[in-house]
N, C-alpha and C. Protein backbone atom coordinates (compact mmCIF):
# COMPACT_ATOMS: atom_id res chain seq x y z
N MET A 1 -39.82 7.70 -20.86
CA MET A 1 -39.12 8.07 -19.63
C MET A 1 -39.13 6.91 -18.64
N ASN A 2 -40.28 6.22 -18.54
CA ASN A 2 -40.36 5.11 -17.59
C ASN A 2 -39.42 3.99 -17.98
N ARG A 3 -39.33 3.72 -19.31
CA ARG A 3 -38.45 2.65 -19.77
C ARG A 3 -37.00 3.00 -19.47
N ILE A 4 -36.64 4.28 -19.70
CA ILE A 4 -35.26 4.70 -19.42
C ILE A 4 -34.97 4.58 -17.93
N GLY A 5 -35.92 5.03 -17.10
CA GLY A 5 -35.72 4.94 -15.67
C GLY A 5 -35.58 3.50 -15.21
N ALA A 6 -36.38 2.61 -15.79
CA ALA A 6 -36.31 1.19 -15.42
C ALA A 6 -34.97 0.61 -15.81
N ARG A 7 -34.48 1.00 -17.02
CA ARG A 7 -33.19 0.47 -17.46
C ARG A 7 -32.07 0.96 -16.56
N THR A 8 -32.13 2.22 -16.12
CA THR A 8 -31.11 2.76 -15.23
C THR A 8 -31.10 2.02 -13.91
N ARG A 9 -32.31 1.73 -13.39
CA ARG A 9 -32.38 1.01 -12.13
C ARG A 9 -31.80 -0.39 -12.25
N ARG A 10 -32.03 -1.03 -13.40
CA ARG A 10 -31.51 -2.38 -13.58
C ARG A 10 -29.99 -2.36 -13.65
N ASN A 11 -29.41 -1.33 -14.27
CA ASN A 11 -27.96 -1.26 -14.44
C ASN A 11 -27.25 -0.87 -13.15
N LYS A 12 -27.98 -0.22 -12.24
CA LYS A 12 -27.35 0.19 -10.99
C LYS A 12 -26.96 -1.05 -10.19
N PRO A 13 -25.71 -1.13 -9.71
CA PRO A 13 -25.27 -2.34 -9.01
C PRO A 13 -25.97 -2.52 -7.67
N VAL A 14 -26.08 -3.76 -7.25
CA VAL A 14 -26.71 -4.06 -5.97
C VAL A 14 -25.73 -3.69 -4.85
N PRO A 15 -26.27 -3.41 -3.65
CA PRO A 15 -25.38 -3.08 -2.52
C PRO A 15 -24.39 -4.20 -2.24
N GLY A 16 -23.15 -3.82 -1.94
CA GLY A 16 -22.12 -4.80 -1.63
C GLY A 16 -21.34 -5.28 -2.83
N SER A 17 -21.77 -4.89 -4.04
CA SER A 17 -21.07 -5.40 -5.22
C SER A 17 -19.66 -4.82 -5.33
N ARG A 18 -19.46 -3.57 -4.89
CA ARG A 18 -18.12 -2.99 -4.95
C ARG A 18 -17.15 -3.78 -4.09
N GLU A 19 -17.59 -4.14 -2.88
CA GLU A 19 -16.72 -4.90 -1.98
C GLU A 19 -16.40 -6.28 -2.57
N ARG A 20 -17.39 -6.91 -3.21
CA ARG A 20 -17.15 -8.22 -3.82
C ARG A 20 -16.16 -8.11 -4.97
N VAL A 21 -16.27 -7.05 -5.75
CA VAL A 21 -15.35 -6.84 -6.88
C VAL A 21 -13.93 -6.66 -6.36
N LEU A 22 -13.75 -5.84 -5.33
CA LEU A 22 -12.41 -5.60 -4.79
C LEU A 22 -11.82 -6.88 -4.20
N ALA A 23 -12.64 -7.66 -3.49
CA ALA A 23 -12.15 -8.91 -2.90
C ALA A 23 -11.74 -9.90 -3.99
N ALA A 24 -12.57 -10.01 -5.04
CA ALA A 24 -12.26 -10.92 -6.14
C ALA A 24 -11.01 -10.46 -6.89
N ALA A 25 -10.92 -9.15 -7.13
CA ALA A 25 -9.76 -8.61 -7.85
C ALA A 25 -8.48 -8.83 -7.08
N GLU A 26 -8.51 -8.61 -5.78
CA GLU A 26 -7.31 -8.80 -4.97
C GLU A 26 -6.82 -10.25 -5.04
N GLN A 27 -7.74 -11.20 -4.98
CA GLN A 27 -7.36 -12.61 -5.06
C GLN A 27 -6.78 -12.95 -6.44
N LEU A 28 -7.44 -12.45 -7.49
CA LEU A 28 -6.97 -12.74 -8.85
C LEU A 28 -5.62 -12.08 -9.13
N PHE A 29 -5.46 -10.82 -8.72
CA PHE A 29 -4.20 -10.13 -8.93
C PHE A 29 -3.07 -10.87 -8.21
N SER A 30 -3.36 -11.34 -7.00
CA SER A 30 -2.34 -12.02 -6.22
C SER A 30 -1.98 -13.36 -6.85
N ARG A 31 -2.98 -14.08 -7.38
CA ARG A 31 -2.73 -15.42 -7.91
C ARG A 31 -2.18 -15.40 -9.33
N LYS A 32 -2.75 -14.54 -10.18
CA LYS A 32 -2.40 -14.54 -11.60
C LYS A 32 -1.50 -13.39 -12.02
N GLY A 33 -1.51 -12.32 -11.23
CA GLY A 33 -0.81 -11.11 -11.64
C GLY A 33 -1.78 -10.14 -12.28
N TYR A 34 -1.41 -8.87 -12.24
CA TYR A 34 -2.30 -7.82 -12.76
C TYR A 34 -2.52 -7.95 -14.26
N SER A 35 -1.45 -8.11 -15.02
CA SER A 35 -1.56 -8.12 -16.48
C SER A 35 -2.39 -9.29 -16.99
N ALA A 36 -2.31 -10.43 -16.31
CA ALA A 36 -2.99 -11.64 -16.78
C ALA A 36 -4.45 -11.71 -16.33
N THR A 37 -4.91 -10.74 -15.57
CA THR A 37 -6.29 -10.74 -15.08
C THR A 37 -7.13 -9.79 -15.90
N SER A 38 -8.29 -10.25 -16.34
CA SER A 38 -9.19 -9.42 -17.13
C SER A 38 -10.37 -8.94 -16.30
N VAL A 39 -11.02 -7.89 -16.76
CA VAL A 39 -12.21 -7.38 -16.08
C VAL A 39 -13.31 -8.44 -16.09
N ASP A 40 -13.44 -9.19 -17.19
CA ASP A 40 -14.45 -10.24 -17.26
C ASP A 40 -14.21 -11.31 -16.19
N GLU A 41 -12.94 -11.66 -15.95
CA GLU A 41 -12.63 -12.64 -14.90
C GLU A 41 -13.01 -12.10 -13.53
N ILE A 42 -12.72 -10.83 -13.31
CA ILE A 42 -13.07 -10.22 -12.03
C ILE A 42 -14.59 -10.25 -11.85
N ALA A 43 -15.32 -9.90 -12.91
CA ALA A 43 -16.78 -9.89 -12.85
C ALA A 43 -17.33 -11.28 -12.55
N GLU A 44 -16.78 -12.29 -13.23
CA GLU A 44 -17.25 -13.66 -13.01
C GLU A 44 -16.98 -14.11 -11.58
N SER A 45 -15.77 -13.84 -11.09
CA SER A 45 -15.41 -14.25 -9.74
C SER A 45 -16.25 -13.53 -8.68
N ALA A 46 -16.57 -12.26 -8.95
CA ALA A 46 -17.34 -11.46 -8.00
C ALA A 46 -18.84 -11.65 -8.16
N LYS A 47 -19.23 -12.45 -9.18
CA LYS A 47 -20.65 -12.62 -9.49
C LYS A 47 -21.32 -11.26 -9.71
N ALA A 48 -20.64 -10.47 -10.53
CA ALA A 48 -21.13 -9.13 -10.87
C ALA A 48 -21.07 -8.96 -12.38
N SER A 49 -21.90 -8.09 -12.91
CA SER A 49 -21.86 -7.82 -14.34
C SER A 49 -20.76 -6.81 -14.65
N PRO A 50 -20.19 -6.90 -15.86
CA PRO A 50 -19.17 -5.90 -16.24
C PRO A 50 -19.69 -4.47 -16.13
N SER A 51 -21.00 -4.27 -16.42
CA SER A 51 -21.54 -2.91 -16.33
C SER A 51 -21.51 -2.39 -14.89
N SER A 52 -21.74 -3.29 -13.92
CA SER A 52 -21.71 -2.85 -12.53
C SER A 52 -20.27 -2.50 -12.10
N ILE A 53 -19.29 -3.19 -12.69
CA ILE A 53 -17.90 -2.88 -12.39
C ILE A 53 -17.56 -1.48 -12.89
N TYR A 54 -17.98 -1.16 -14.12
CA TYR A 54 -17.67 0.17 -14.66
C TYR A 54 -18.51 1.26 -13.99
N TRP A 55 -19.60 0.86 -13.36
CA TRP A 55 -20.37 1.83 -12.57
C TRP A 55 -19.52 2.34 -11.41
N HIS A 56 -18.86 1.40 -10.72
CA HIS A 56 -18.03 1.76 -9.57
C HIS A 56 -16.65 2.26 -9.98
N PHE A 57 -16.09 1.67 -11.04
CA PHE A 57 -14.71 1.94 -11.41
C PHE A 57 -14.67 2.41 -12.86
N LYS A 58 -14.81 3.72 -13.02
CA LYS A 58 -14.93 4.29 -14.37
C LYS A 58 -13.69 4.01 -15.23
N GLY A 59 -12.53 3.91 -14.60
CA GLY A 59 -11.30 3.67 -15.34
C GLY A 59 -10.99 2.20 -15.56
N GLY A 60 -11.94 1.32 -15.26
CA GLY A 60 -11.73 -0.10 -15.52
C GLY A 60 -10.72 -0.74 -14.58
N LYS A 61 -9.87 -1.60 -15.13
CA LYS A 61 -8.98 -2.41 -14.32
C LYS A 61 -7.98 -1.56 -13.54
N ASP A 62 -7.51 -0.47 -14.13
CA ASP A 62 -6.57 0.40 -13.41
C ASP A 62 -7.21 0.95 -12.13
N ASP A 63 -8.46 1.40 -12.24
CA ASP A 63 -9.15 1.94 -11.08
C ASP A 63 -9.38 0.86 -10.02
N ILE A 64 -9.69 -0.34 -10.47
CA ILE A 64 -9.88 -1.45 -9.53
C ILE A 64 -8.58 -1.70 -8.78
N LEU A 65 -7.48 -1.76 -9.52
CA LEU A 65 -6.19 -2.02 -8.90
C LEU A 65 -5.84 -0.94 -7.88
N LEU A 66 -6.01 0.32 -8.24
CA LEU A 66 -5.68 1.41 -7.34
C LEU A 66 -6.55 1.36 -6.09
N ALA A 67 -7.83 1.02 -6.26
CA ALA A 67 -8.72 0.91 -5.11
C ALA A 67 -8.30 -0.23 -4.19
N VAL A 68 -7.88 -1.37 -4.79
CA VAL A 68 -7.39 -2.50 -4.00
C VAL A 68 -6.17 -2.07 -3.19
N ILE A 69 -5.23 -1.38 -3.84
CA ILE A 69 -4.01 -0.95 -3.17
C ILE A 69 -4.33 0.05 -2.05
N GLU A 70 -5.22 1.01 -2.34
CA GLU A 70 -5.56 2.02 -1.33
C GLU A 70 -6.21 1.38 -0.10
N GLU A 71 -7.14 0.47 -0.33
CA GLU A 71 -7.84 -0.13 0.81
C GLU A 71 -6.94 -1.08 1.58
N SER A 72 -6.11 -1.84 0.87
CA SER A 72 -5.20 -2.75 1.57
C SER A 72 -4.15 -1.95 2.34
N THR A 73 -3.73 -0.80 1.79
CA THR A 73 -2.77 0.06 2.48
C THR A 73 -3.38 0.62 3.76
N ALA A 74 -4.63 1.10 3.66
CA ALA A 74 -5.30 1.66 4.83
C ALA A 74 -5.45 0.60 5.92
N THR A 75 -5.84 -0.61 5.51
CA THR A 75 -5.99 -1.70 6.48
C THR A 75 -4.66 -2.06 7.11
N TYR A 76 -3.62 -2.13 6.26
CA TYR A 76 -2.28 -2.49 6.74
C TYR A 76 -1.76 -1.45 7.73
N VAL A 77 -1.86 -0.18 7.38
CA VAL A 77 -1.35 0.89 8.26
C VAL A 77 -2.09 0.88 9.59
N ASP A 78 -3.41 0.75 9.56
CA ASP A 78 -4.19 0.74 10.81
C ASP A 78 -3.80 -0.45 11.68
N ARG A 79 -3.61 -1.62 11.05
CA ARG A 79 -3.26 -2.81 11.83
C ARG A 79 -1.88 -2.67 12.45
N VAL A 80 -0.91 -2.19 11.66
CA VAL A 80 0.45 -2.05 12.16
C VAL A 80 0.51 -1.02 13.28
N LEU A 81 -0.21 0.09 13.14
CA LEU A 81 -0.20 1.10 14.20
C LEU A 81 -0.77 0.53 15.50
N ALA A 82 -1.83 -0.28 15.38
CA ALA A 82 -2.40 -0.89 16.58
C ALA A 82 -1.39 -1.83 17.23
N GLU A 83 -0.65 -2.58 16.40
CA GLU A 83 0.37 -3.48 16.94
C GLU A 83 1.52 -2.71 17.58
N ILE A 84 1.95 -1.64 16.91
CA ILE A 84 3.07 -0.84 17.42
C ILE A 84 2.74 -0.26 18.79
N ARG A 85 1.51 0.16 18.98
CA ARG A 85 1.14 0.80 20.25
C ARG A 85 1.11 -0.18 21.41
N ASN A 86 1.19 -1.48 21.10
CA ASN A 86 1.29 -2.47 22.16
C ASN A 86 2.72 -2.61 22.69
N GLY A 87 3.68 -2.04 21.94
CA GLY A 87 5.07 -2.10 22.38
C GLY A 87 5.30 -1.25 23.62
N ARG A 88 6.13 -1.75 24.53
CA ARG A 88 6.33 -1.06 25.80
C ARG A 88 7.46 -0.04 25.74
N SER A 89 8.27 -0.09 24.69
CA SER A 89 9.38 0.85 24.55
C SER A 89 9.54 1.20 23.08
N ILE A 90 10.34 2.24 22.82
CA ILE A 90 10.55 2.63 21.43
C ILE A 90 11.28 1.53 20.67
N GLU A 91 12.14 0.77 21.38
CA GLU A 91 12.85 -0.34 20.74
C GLU A 91 11.88 -1.44 20.33
N GLU A 92 10.91 -1.77 21.20
CA GLU A 92 9.92 -2.78 20.87
C GLU A 92 9.05 -2.33 19.70
N ARG A 93 8.68 -1.06 19.70
CA ARG A 93 7.83 -0.55 18.62
C ARG A 93 8.58 -0.57 17.29
N PHE A 94 9.85 -0.23 17.34
CA PHE A 94 10.67 -0.27 16.13
C PHE A 94 10.77 -1.70 15.59
N GLU A 95 10.92 -2.67 16.47
CA GLU A 95 11.00 -4.07 16.07
C GLU A 95 9.68 -4.53 15.44
N ILE A 96 8.57 -4.14 16.04
CA ILE A 96 7.25 -4.50 15.48
C ILE A 96 7.10 -3.91 14.08
N PHE A 97 7.53 -2.66 13.93
CA PHE A 97 7.42 -1.99 12.63
C PHE A 97 8.27 -2.71 11.57
N LEU A 98 9.52 -3.01 11.90
CA LEU A 98 10.39 -3.70 10.95
C LEU A 98 9.84 -5.07 10.58
N HIS A 99 9.34 -5.79 11.58
CA HIS A 99 8.77 -7.11 11.31
C HIS A 99 7.59 -7.00 10.35
N SER A 100 6.75 -5.98 10.53
CA SER A 100 5.58 -5.82 9.67
C SER A 100 5.99 -5.50 8.23
N VAL A 101 7.04 -4.68 8.06
CA VAL A 101 7.51 -4.33 6.71
C VAL A 101 8.08 -5.57 6.02
N GLU A 102 8.91 -6.32 6.75
CA GLU A 102 9.49 -7.54 6.18
C GLU A 102 8.39 -8.53 5.80
N LYS A 103 7.40 -8.70 6.67
CA LYS A 103 6.32 -9.64 6.41
C LYS A 103 5.50 -9.20 5.20
N GLN A 104 5.28 -7.90 5.05
CA GLN A 104 4.54 -7.41 3.90
C GLN A 104 5.27 -7.73 2.60
N MET A 105 6.59 -7.57 2.59
CA MET A 105 7.37 -7.89 1.39
C MET A 105 7.26 -9.37 1.04
N ILE A 106 7.30 -10.23 2.05
CA ILE A 106 7.25 -11.67 1.81
C ILE A 106 5.85 -12.12 1.42
N ASP A 107 4.83 -11.57 2.10
CA ASP A 107 3.46 -12.03 1.89
C ASP A 107 2.77 -11.37 0.70
N SER A 108 3.15 -10.14 0.37
CA SER A 108 2.44 -9.41 -0.69
C SER A 108 3.38 -8.83 -1.74
N PRO A 109 4.28 -9.65 -2.30
CA PRO A 109 5.22 -9.09 -3.29
C PRO A 109 4.54 -8.60 -4.56
N GLU A 110 3.44 -9.27 -4.95
CA GLU A 110 2.76 -8.86 -6.19
C GLU A 110 2.21 -7.44 -6.07
N THR A 111 1.60 -7.13 -4.93
CA THR A 111 1.06 -5.77 -4.73
C THR A 111 2.17 -4.74 -4.79
N LEU A 112 3.29 -5.03 -4.13
CA LEU A 112 4.41 -4.08 -4.13
C LEU A 112 5.02 -3.95 -5.53
N ARG A 113 5.09 -5.06 -6.26
CA ARG A 113 5.62 -4.99 -7.64
C ARG A 113 4.75 -4.10 -8.51
N VAL A 114 3.44 -4.24 -8.36
CA VAL A 114 2.52 -3.44 -9.18
C VAL A 114 2.62 -1.96 -8.82
N ILE A 115 2.79 -1.65 -7.54
CA ILE A 115 2.97 -0.25 -7.14
C ILE A 115 4.19 0.33 -7.83
N HIS A 116 5.30 -0.41 -7.80
CA HIS A 116 6.52 0.07 -8.47
C HIS A 116 6.31 0.20 -9.97
N GLN A 117 5.62 -0.77 -10.55
CA GLN A 117 5.39 -0.75 -12.00
C GLN A 117 4.55 0.46 -12.39
N LEU A 118 3.48 0.71 -11.66
CA LEU A 118 2.64 1.86 -11.95
C LEU A 118 3.40 3.16 -11.76
N ALA A 119 4.20 3.23 -10.71
CA ALA A 119 4.96 4.46 -10.44
C ALA A 119 5.93 4.76 -11.57
N MET A 120 6.57 3.73 -12.11
CA MET A 120 7.58 3.93 -13.15
C MET A 120 6.96 4.11 -14.54
N GLU A 121 5.90 3.36 -14.83
CA GLU A 121 5.38 3.32 -16.20
C GLU A 121 4.21 4.25 -16.44
N ARG A 122 3.41 4.53 -15.41
CA ARG A 122 2.16 5.24 -15.64
C ARG A 122 2.08 6.61 -14.99
N SER A 123 2.79 6.80 -13.87
CA SER A 123 2.59 8.04 -13.12
C SER A 123 3.06 9.26 -13.89
N GLY A 124 4.03 9.08 -14.79
CA GLY A 124 4.52 10.22 -15.55
C GLY A 124 3.54 10.72 -16.59
N GLU A 125 2.69 9.83 -17.09
CA GLU A 125 1.77 10.20 -18.16
C GLU A 125 0.32 10.30 -17.72
N ASP A 126 0.01 9.80 -16.54
CA ASP A 126 -1.37 9.78 -16.06
C ASP A 126 -1.42 10.42 -14.68
N SER A 127 -1.89 11.66 -14.62
CA SER A 127 -1.91 12.39 -13.35
C SER A 127 -2.82 11.73 -12.33
N ARG A 128 -3.87 11.06 -12.80
CA ARG A 128 -4.79 10.38 -11.89
C ARG A 128 -4.08 9.26 -11.14
N VAL A 129 -3.29 8.47 -11.87
CA VAL A 129 -2.52 7.39 -11.25
C VAL A 129 -1.47 7.98 -10.31
N ARG A 130 -0.78 9.03 -10.75
CA ARG A 130 0.26 9.65 -9.93
C ARG A 130 -0.33 10.17 -8.62
N ASP A 131 -1.48 10.85 -8.70
CA ASP A 131 -2.07 11.42 -7.49
C ASP A 131 -2.48 10.34 -6.50
N ARG A 132 -3.00 9.24 -7.00
CA ARG A 132 -3.46 8.19 -6.08
C ARG A 132 -2.27 7.44 -5.48
N LEU A 133 -1.22 7.22 -6.26
CA LEU A 133 -0.03 6.60 -5.69
C LEU A 133 0.64 7.53 -4.69
N ARG A 134 0.65 8.80 -5.00
CA ARG A 134 1.22 9.78 -4.07
C ARG A 134 0.45 9.76 -2.75
N GLY A 135 -0.86 9.60 -2.83
CA GLY A 135 -1.67 9.52 -1.62
C GLY A 135 -1.32 8.31 -0.77
N ILE A 136 -1.01 7.19 -1.43
CA ILE A 136 -0.63 5.97 -0.70
C ILE A 136 0.67 6.20 0.06
N TYR A 137 1.67 6.78 -0.61
CA TYR A 137 2.94 7.04 0.06
C TYR A 137 2.77 8.07 1.17
N ARG A 138 1.93 9.06 0.96
CA ARG A 138 1.71 10.06 2.00
C ARG A 138 1.10 9.42 3.24
N ARG A 139 0.20 8.46 3.04
CA ARG A 139 -0.41 7.78 4.18
C ARG A 139 0.67 7.08 5.01
N TYR A 140 1.57 6.37 4.31
CA TYR A 140 2.68 5.71 5.00
C TYR A 140 3.53 6.72 5.77
N ARG A 141 3.94 7.78 5.08
CA ARG A 141 4.84 8.76 5.70
C ARG A 141 4.20 9.42 6.91
N GLU A 142 2.95 9.85 6.76
CA GLU A 142 2.29 10.56 7.85
C GLU A 142 2.10 9.66 9.06
N ALA A 143 1.85 8.36 8.84
CA ALA A 143 1.72 7.43 9.96
C ALA A 143 3.05 7.32 10.71
N ILE A 144 4.15 7.24 9.97
CA ILE A 144 5.47 7.17 10.60
C ILE A 144 5.76 8.46 11.36
N VAL A 145 5.44 9.59 10.74
CA VAL A 145 5.70 10.89 11.37
C VAL A 145 4.92 11.01 12.69
N ARG A 146 3.66 10.60 12.69
CA ARG A 146 2.85 10.69 13.91
C ARG A 146 3.47 9.89 15.05
N GLU A 147 3.89 8.66 14.73
CA GLU A 147 4.45 7.81 15.78
C GLU A 147 5.79 8.36 16.27
N MET A 148 6.63 8.86 15.35
CA MET A 148 7.94 9.37 15.74
C MET A 148 7.81 10.60 16.61
N THR A 149 6.94 11.53 16.24
CA THR A 149 6.83 12.78 17.01
C THR A 149 6.17 12.54 18.37
N GLN A 150 5.35 11.49 18.48
CA GLN A 150 4.78 11.15 19.79
C GLN A 150 5.85 10.55 20.71
N GLU A 151 6.72 9.72 20.12
CA GLU A 151 7.77 9.08 20.92
C GLU A 151 8.89 10.06 21.26
N LEU A 152 9.17 10.98 20.34
CA LEU A 152 10.27 11.93 20.52
C LEU A 152 9.73 13.35 20.38
N PRO A 153 9.17 13.91 21.45
CA PRO A 153 8.53 15.23 21.37
C PRO A 153 9.44 16.33 20.84
N GLY A 154 10.76 16.16 21.02
CA GLY A 154 11.67 17.19 20.54
C GLY A 154 11.96 17.12 19.05
N LEU A 155 11.46 16.09 18.41
CA LEU A 155 11.72 15.91 16.97
C LEU A 155 10.81 16.83 16.17
N LEU A 156 11.40 17.69 15.37
CA LEU A 156 10.62 18.61 14.56
C LEU A 156 9.83 17.85 13.50
N PRO A 157 8.56 18.21 13.24
CA PRO A 157 7.75 17.50 12.25
C PRO A 157 8.38 17.44 10.87
N GLU A 158 9.01 18.55 10.44
CA GLU A 158 9.61 18.54 9.10
C GLU A 158 10.81 17.60 9.06
N THR A 159 11.54 17.49 10.19
CA THR A 159 12.65 16.54 10.25
C THR A 159 12.11 15.11 10.25
N ALA A 160 11.02 14.87 10.99
CA ALA A 160 10.41 13.54 11.02
C ALA A 160 9.95 13.12 9.63
N ARG A 161 9.43 14.07 8.84
CA ARG A 161 8.99 13.73 7.48
C ARG A 161 10.17 13.32 6.61
N GLN A 162 11.32 13.97 6.78
CA GLN A 162 12.49 13.59 6.00
C GLN A 162 13.01 12.21 6.42
N VAL A 163 12.97 11.94 7.73
CA VAL A 163 13.38 10.62 8.20
C VAL A 163 12.43 9.55 7.65
N ALA A 164 11.12 9.83 7.66
CA ALA A 164 10.14 8.88 7.13
C ALA A 164 10.37 8.64 5.65
N THR A 165 10.67 9.71 4.91
CA THR A 165 10.96 9.56 3.47
C THR A 165 12.18 8.67 3.26
N LEU A 166 13.21 8.88 4.06
CA LEU A 166 14.43 8.07 3.94
C LEU A 166 14.14 6.61 4.27
N MET A 167 13.34 6.37 5.32
CA MET A 167 13.00 5.00 5.70
C MET A 167 12.28 4.28 4.57
N LEU A 168 11.28 4.93 3.97
CA LEU A 168 10.53 4.30 2.89
C LEU A 168 11.40 4.08 1.66
N ALA A 169 12.33 5.01 1.42
CA ALA A 169 13.25 4.85 0.29
C ALA A 169 14.14 3.62 0.49
N VAL A 170 14.61 3.41 1.72
CA VAL A 170 15.43 2.24 2.03
C VAL A 170 14.64 0.96 1.80
N TYR A 171 13.40 0.93 2.29
CA TYR A 171 12.58 -0.28 2.13
C TYR A 171 12.26 -0.54 0.66
N ASP A 172 11.94 0.52 -0.09
CA ASP A 172 11.69 0.36 -1.52
C ASP A 172 12.93 -0.18 -2.23
N GLY A 173 14.09 0.36 -1.87
CA GLY A 173 15.34 -0.09 -2.50
C GLY A 173 15.66 -1.53 -2.19
N ILE A 174 15.46 -1.94 -0.94
CA ILE A 174 15.70 -3.33 -0.57
C ILE A 174 14.77 -4.25 -1.36
N PHE A 175 13.49 -3.88 -1.42
CA PHE A 175 12.52 -4.72 -2.13
C PHE A 175 12.89 -4.84 -3.60
N LEU A 176 13.25 -3.72 -4.24
CA LEU A 176 13.60 -3.74 -5.66
C LEU A 176 14.80 -4.64 -5.92
N GLN A 177 15.84 -4.50 -5.11
CA GLN A 177 17.03 -5.33 -5.31
C GLN A 177 16.74 -6.81 -5.05
N TRP A 178 15.91 -7.08 -4.04
CA TRP A 178 15.54 -8.46 -3.72
C TRP A 178 14.76 -9.10 -4.87
N GLN A 179 13.87 -8.32 -5.48
CA GLN A 179 13.09 -8.83 -6.61
C GLN A 179 13.97 -9.07 -7.83
N LEU A 180 14.93 -8.18 -8.06
CA LEU A 180 15.79 -8.30 -9.24
C LEU A 180 16.85 -9.38 -9.08
N ASP A 181 17.34 -9.58 -7.86
CA ASP A 181 18.48 -10.48 -7.66
C ASP A 181 18.34 -11.24 -6.33
N PRO A 182 17.31 -12.11 -6.24
CA PRO A 182 17.04 -12.80 -4.97
C PRO A 182 18.17 -13.73 -4.52
N GLU A 183 18.99 -14.19 -5.46
CA GLU A 183 20.09 -15.07 -5.08
C GLU A 183 21.22 -14.31 -4.38
N GLU A 184 21.32 -13.02 -4.66
CA GLU A 184 22.37 -12.20 -4.07
C GLU A 184 21.89 -11.41 -2.87
N VAL A 185 20.63 -11.01 -2.89
CA VAL A 185 20.08 -10.16 -1.83
C VAL A 185 19.27 -11.02 -0.88
N ASP A 186 19.77 -11.17 0.34
CA ASP A 186 19.10 -11.95 1.38
C ASP A 186 18.23 -11.00 2.20
N LEU A 187 16.92 -11.13 2.04
CA LEU A 187 16.00 -10.20 2.68
C LEU A 187 16.12 -10.24 4.21
N LYS A 188 16.22 -11.42 4.76
CA LYS A 188 16.30 -11.54 6.22
C LYS A 188 17.58 -10.92 6.76
N VAL A 189 18.67 -11.09 6.04
CA VAL A 189 19.92 -10.46 6.46
C VAL A 189 19.80 -8.94 6.42
N CYS A 190 19.18 -8.43 5.37
CA CYS A 190 18.99 -6.98 5.26
C CYS A 190 18.23 -6.44 6.46
N PHE A 191 17.17 -7.14 6.85
CA PHE A 191 16.38 -6.65 7.98
C PHE A 191 17.09 -6.85 9.31
N ARG A 192 17.91 -7.89 9.41
CA ARG A 192 18.71 -8.03 10.62
C ARG A 192 19.67 -6.85 10.76
N MET A 193 20.23 -6.40 9.65
CA MET A 193 21.14 -5.26 9.69
C MET A 193 20.38 -3.97 10.02
N LEU A 194 19.17 -3.83 9.51
CA LEU A 194 18.38 -2.65 9.84
C LEU A 194 18.08 -2.59 11.33
N ARG A 195 17.94 -3.77 11.94
CA ARG A 195 17.64 -3.80 13.37
C ARG A 195 18.81 -3.29 14.21
N LEU A 196 19.99 -3.24 13.62
CA LEU A 196 21.15 -2.72 14.34
C LEU A 196 21.08 -1.21 14.50
N ALA A 197 20.24 -0.57 13.68
CA ALA A 197 20.06 0.88 13.80
C ALA A 197 19.19 1.15 15.02
N GLN A 198 19.80 1.56 16.11
CA GLN A 198 19.09 1.74 17.36
C GLN A 198 18.11 2.91 17.27
N PRO A 199 16.84 2.69 17.60
CA PRO A 199 15.86 3.78 17.56
C PRO A 199 16.25 4.96 18.43
N ALA A 200 17.00 4.68 19.51
CA ALA A 200 17.41 5.78 20.39
C ALA A 200 18.24 6.82 19.63
N ASN A 201 18.91 6.39 18.57
CA ASN A 201 19.72 7.32 17.79
C ASN A 201 18.88 8.39 17.10
N LEU A 202 17.56 8.12 16.99
CA LEU A 202 16.70 9.13 16.38
C LEU A 202 16.69 10.42 17.19
N LYS A 203 17.05 10.32 18.45
CA LYS A 203 17.10 11.54 19.27
C LYS A 203 18.11 12.52 18.70
N ASN A 204 19.09 12.00 17.97
CA ASN A 204 20.07 12.89 17.36
C ASN A 204 19.46 13.77 16.28
N PHE A 205 18.26 13.36 15.80
CA PHE A 205 17.60 14.15 14.78
C PHE A 205 16.73 15.25 15.38
N SER A 206 16.73 15.33 16.71
CA SER A 206 15.87 16.34 17.35
C SER A 206 16.31 17.75 16.98
N ARG A 207 17.55 17.88 16.58
CA ARG A 207 18.01 19.18 16.08
C ARG A 207 17.65 19.29 14.61
N LYS A 208 17.35 20.48 14.18
CA LYS A 208 16.98 20.71 12.78
C LYS A 208 18.17 20.42 11.89
N ILE A 209 17.93 19.63 10.82
CA ILE A 209 19.01 19.29 9.87
C ILE A 209 19.15 20.41 8.86
């Protein structure tokens, strides 16, 4: 019993190892891509043993990737909301939001590509992947809904959710087309055109659709 207990204690990861694994994985995924990165490389970069990685992430590399996406999404949403609240008008807040979305596409295309890849290839057959990706999109939508209903008190929450869904669908579509055909799809032009959609027009959605 003592030997078993000692072995269990040795296998248990040291504090902070999960954070090191996620930081190393995010860097490797961004530099090499998800498919080209192995768990052994993540362990070496994080100075962690493979056993400690599987202690934290039972599903291996998929679980690591989903955790990276979830944490980066939470950080991104919190940062953008803080920036949006510095805007003095709904027009300024809308501009800050659009700028943050455009910047995310330019700065983190690999993360967004992997989200799309997982959604198309894995979510249909793996409920665990589907549920976690669904949670990521819900976080985005609910953040948009909160800000919209605060700015426009007459906007019904269910209507705000539909508007948020439409907004995310537009951004997903722009990103997908830009990735597939960058010579034809000018990302900056697309966002300049989106800026023509005056936020004040959202008041027209105050009536139930």
